[in-house]
Amino acid sequence: MDQPIVLTGGTGALGRAVLARLIEHGTEARIVSRRPQGANLGNHQWATADLTTGDGLTGALTGARVVIHCATANRGSKDRRQA
């Protein structure tokens, strides 16, 4: 893959809808999630990263041409309760 679009929150409701559009348009994507890969993504890449700590972000973003940020705080997380 050459310069994929990185999609944070690709396993959530909004992220899945955005991913469907990227697939529909034949766009190469790298899905970033805090969980290990759980589904066959075909030609798309998967990266595990934690957006709150930054763990894994360098690898997730390396070579990306753009980031579409669809991730939200975990349900019940401290960050979400403060919002």
Protein backbone atom coordinates (compact mmCIF):
# COMPACT_ATOMS: atom_id res chain seq x y z
CA MET A 1 0.00 0.00 0.00
CA ASP A 2 1.17 3.47 -0.80
CA GLN A 3 0.19 6.38 1.47
CA PRO A 4 -3.08 5.12 2.94
CA ILE A 5 -5.71 7.24 4.61
CA VAL A 6 -5.56 6.61 8.35
CA LEU A 7 -8.95 6.19 10.00
CA THR A 8 -9.15 6.41 13.79
CA GLY A 9 -12.19 4.83 15.38
CA GLY A 10 -12.69 2.59 12.37
CA THR A 11 -14.58 0.00 14.43
CA GLY A 12 -17.15 2.48 15.79
CA ALA A 13 -20.44 3.49 14.18
CA LEU A 14 -19.10 6.60 12.45
CA GLY A 15 -15.78 4.97 11.56
CA ARG A 16 -17.47 1.95 9.97
CA ALA A 17 -19.60 4.26 7.82
CA VAL A 18 -16.54 6.24 6.72
CA LEU A 19 -14.64 3.02 6.02
CA ALA A 20 -17.51 1.78 3.85
CA ARG A 21 -17.23 4.95 1.75
CA LEU A 22 -13.46 4.59 1.45
CA ILE A 23 -13.89 0.99 0.29
CA GLU A 24 -16.63 2.06 -2.13
CA HIS A 25 -14.22 4.53 -3.70
CA GLY A 26 -11.30 2.09 -3.80
CA THR A 27 -9.28 4.12 -1.31
CA GLU A 28 -6.48 2.45 0.62
CA ALA A 29 -7.05 2.75 4.36
CA ARG A 30 -5.30 1.97 7.63
CA ILE A 31 -7.75 1.45 10.48
CA VAL A 32 -6.48 2.52 13.91
CA SER A 33 -8.09 0.97 16.96
CA ARG A 34 -7.17 0.46 20.59
CA ARG A 35 -8.05 -3.23 20.13
CA PRO A 36 -6.13 -5.86 18.15
CA GLN A 37 -7.51 -6.65 14.70
CA GLY A 38 -10.78 -8.52 14.86
CA ALA A 39 -11.88 -8.78 11.24
CA ASN A 40 -10.50 -9.54 7.81
CA LEU A 41 -9.96 -6.16 6.17
CA GLY A 42 -9.02 -7.33 2.72
CA ASN A 43 -6.39 -4.95 1.32
CA HIS A 44 -6.70 -2.52 4.21
CA GLN A 45 -4.17 -2.24 7.01
CA TRP A 46 -4.75 -2.39 10.75
CA ALA A 47 -2.82 -0.56 13.46
CA THR A 48 -3.31 -0.85 17.19
CA ALA A 49 -2.74 2.44 19.03
CA ASP A 50 -3.93 4.24 22.15
CA LEU A 51 -4.94 7.81 21.41
CA THR A 52 -4.96 8.78 25.09
CA THR A 53 -1.36 7.69 25.79
CA GLY A 54 0.09 7.89 22.29
CA ASP A 55 1.28 4.27 22.39
CA GLY A 56 1.49 2.92 18.84
CA LEU A 57 0.71 6.22 17.09
CA THR A 58 4.08 6.63 15.40
CA GLY A 59 3.67 3.35 13.56
CA ALA A 60 -0.01 3.96 12.88
CA LEU A 61 0.66 7.32 11.23
CA THR A 62 3.90 6.56 9.39
CA GLY A 63 3.47 7.06 5.65
CA ALA A 64 -0.11 8.28 5.88
CA ARG A 65 -1.31 10.94 3.47
CA VAL A 66 -4.19 12.10 5.68
CA VAL A 67 -5.96 11.18 8.95
CA ILE A 68 -9.73 11.00 9.35
CA HIS A 69 -10.41 11.16 13.08
CA CYS A 70 -13.60 9.34 14.08
CA ALA A 71 -12.52 7.99 17.47
CA THR A 72 -14.27 8.96 20.69
CA ALA A 73 -13.53 8.36 24.37
CA ASN A 74 -14.34 4.93 25.76
CA ARG A 75 -17.74 4.59 27.38
CA GLY A 76 -17.34 5.24 31.06
CA SER A 77 -13.84 6.68 30.67
CA LYS A 78 -12.74 9.63 32.76
CA ASP A 79 -12.30 11.76 29.62
CA ARG A 80 -15.85 11.06 28.49
CA ARG A 81 -17.38 11.85 31.90
CA GLN A 82 -15.67 15.26 31.91
CA ALA A 83 -17.03 16.21 28.48
